[in-house]
Amino acid sequence: MIVTVTRLRNVGVRLKQSELDAAPAIRGDLTLEDWPANNKFHRPIQVARLRHEEQQRLHPALLPPLFDAKVVRITRTQLFIAGLEIHVDGELQQEVAQTWMAAFSYHLSF
């Protein structure tokens, strides 16, 4: 599904409204996929990914994937997905909370 994603957190900390207003909005193809138990979590999880609209497999992801992703809210114009993002700082690697606000390229009719 083609959406425009805004990340609502930075290294796990929720952005202030002024920071959200300046946050980049990235357009791409959103997928939510099952990942079997052969992963770091040792159980089946869902992974949200944002890739280029065309030739997805040939381009790197537009954003780091969200692991253990859950849809937490759906409106007529937006979808909110929360999960864990891997943050790398030098040799330190940590899992941090992240939420994506995905604006639809069209309006849903309920």
Protein backbone atom coordinates (compact mmCIF):
# COMPACT_ATOMS: atom_id res chain seq x y z
CA MET A 1 0.00 0.00 0.00
CA ILE A 2 1.40 3.40 -0.98
CA VAL A 3 1.59 5.69 2.06
CA THR A 4 3.53 8.64 3.42
CA VAL A 5 5.19 7.74 6.74
CA THR A 6 6.22 10.07 9.54
CA ARG A 7 8.21 8.58 12.43
CA LEU A 8 6.78 9.73 15.77
CA ARG A 9 9.81 8.88 17.92
CA ASN A 10 13.56 9.52 17.94
CA VAL A 11 15.64 6.81 19.63
CA GLY A 12 12.52 5.71 21.52
CA VAL A 13 11.51 9.18 22.75
CA ARG A 14 8.22 10.64 21.51
CA LEU A 15 8.69 13.77 19.41
CA LYS A 16 7.25 17.08 20.58
CA GLN A 17 4.63 18.73 18.35
CA SER A 18 7.18 21.25 17.05
CA GLU A 19 9.52 18.38 16.15
CA LEU A 20 6.67 16.46 14.49
CA ASP A 21 5.84 19.49 12.36
CA ALA A 22 9.43 19.46 11.04
CA ALA A 23 9.79 15.67 10.78
CA PRO A 24 10.32 14.28 7.28
CA ALA A 25 7.42 12.49 5.60
CA ILE A 26 8.63 9.59 3.45
CA ARG A 27 6.47 8.15 0.65
CA GLY A 28 6.78 4.47 -0.16
CA ASP A 29 5.21 1.03 -0.29
CA LEU A 30 4.21 -0.20 3.18
CA THR A 31 4.09 -3.93 3.90
CA LEU A 32 3.33 -5.82 7.09
CA GLU A 33 4.73 -9.36 6.92
CA ASP A 34 4.87 -12.41 9.15
CA TRP A 35 8.35 -13.51 10.22
CA PRO A 36 8.49 -17.13 11.45
CA ALA A 37 10.02 -18.10 14.77
CA ASN A 38 13.57 -18.39 13.38
CA ASN A 39 14.42 -14.84 14.47
CA LYS A 40 15.97 -13.03 17.41
CA PHE A 41 12.63 -12.96 19.27
CA HIS A 42 12.34 -16.79 19.10
CA ARG A 43 8.65 -16.56 18.19
CA PRO A 44 6.61 -15.53 15.16
CA ILE A 45 6.38 -11.75 14.81
CA GLN A 46 5.20 -9.21 12.27
CA VAL A 47 7.58 -6.83 10.54
CA ALA A 48 6.56 -3.50 8.97
CA ARG A 49 8.71 -2.28 6.08
CA LEU A 50 8.70 0.84 3.91
CA ARG A 51 10.28 0.38 0.50
CA HIS A 52 10.48 2.31 -2.75
CA GLU A 53 7.27 2.28 -4.74
CA GLU A 54 8.90 0.64 -7.74
CA GLN A 55 11.42 -2.20 -7.93
CA GLN A 56 11.31 -2.76 -4.18
CA ARG A 57 13.87 -5.53 -4.08
CA LEU A 58 16.51 -3.54 -5.97
CA HIS A 59 16.51 -0.57 -3.58
CA PRO A 60 17.37 -0.41 0.12
CA ALA A 61 14.53 0.15 2.57
CA LEU A 62 13.47 3.76 3.05
CA LEU A 63 13.27 3.31 6.84
CA PRO A 64 14.60 0.73 9.27
CA PRO A 65 12.02 -2.05 9.69
CA LEU A 66 9.67 -2.15 12.67
CA PHE A 67 9.87 -5.49 14.45
CA ASP A 68 7.00 -6.97 16.46
CA ALA A 69 4.82 -4.44 14.64
CA LYS A 70 1.20 -3.92 15.64
CA VAL A 71 -1.46 -1.75 14.06
CA VAL A 72 -2.63 0.41 16.96
CA ARG A 73 -5.07 2.76 15.20
CA ILE A 74 -6.78 3.19 11.84
CA THR A 75 -8.66 6.29 10.73
CA ARG A 76 -10.05 7.32 7.35
CA THR A 77 -6.75 8.91 6.37
CA GLN A 78 -4.07 7.33 8.57
CA LEU A 79 -2.73 4.11 10.00
CA PHE A 80 -0.56 3.98 13.13
CA ILE A 81 1.91 1.12 13.56
CA ALA A 82 3.97 0.63 16.73
CA GLY A 83 6.94 -1.68 17.12
CA LEU A 84 10.64 -1.95 17.87
CA GLU A 85 13.37 -0.39 15.78
CA ILE A 86 17.03 -1.37 15.99
CA HIS A 87 19.11 1.73 16.80
CA VAL A 88 22.84 1.49 16.15
CA ASP A 89 25.26 3.94 17.75
CA GLY A 90 28.82 2.89 17.01
CA GLU A 91 29.13 -0.63 18.38
CA LEU A 92 26.08 -0.27 20.63
CA GLN A 93 22.90 -1.80 19.24
CA GLN A 94 19.61 -1.43 21.08
CA GLU A 95 15.91 -2.01 20.51
CA VAL A 96 13.89 1.19 20.87
CA ALA A 97 10.18 1.94 20.61
CA GLN A 98 9.02 3.48 17.36
CA THR A 99 5.63 4.46 15.96
CA TRP A 100 4.87 5.21 12.32
CA MET A 101 2.03 7.46 11.24
CA ALA A 102 1.19 6.32 7.72
CA ALA A 103 -1.04 8.65 5.70
CA PHE A 104 -2.96 6.90 2.93
CA SER A 105 -2.61 8.11 -0.63
CA TYR A 106 -6.40 7.83 -0.82
CA HIS A 107 -9.30 7.92 1.67
CA LEU A 108 -10.76 4.72 3.07
CA SER A 109 -14.53 4.33 3.14
CA PHE A 110 -15.96 2.65 6.21
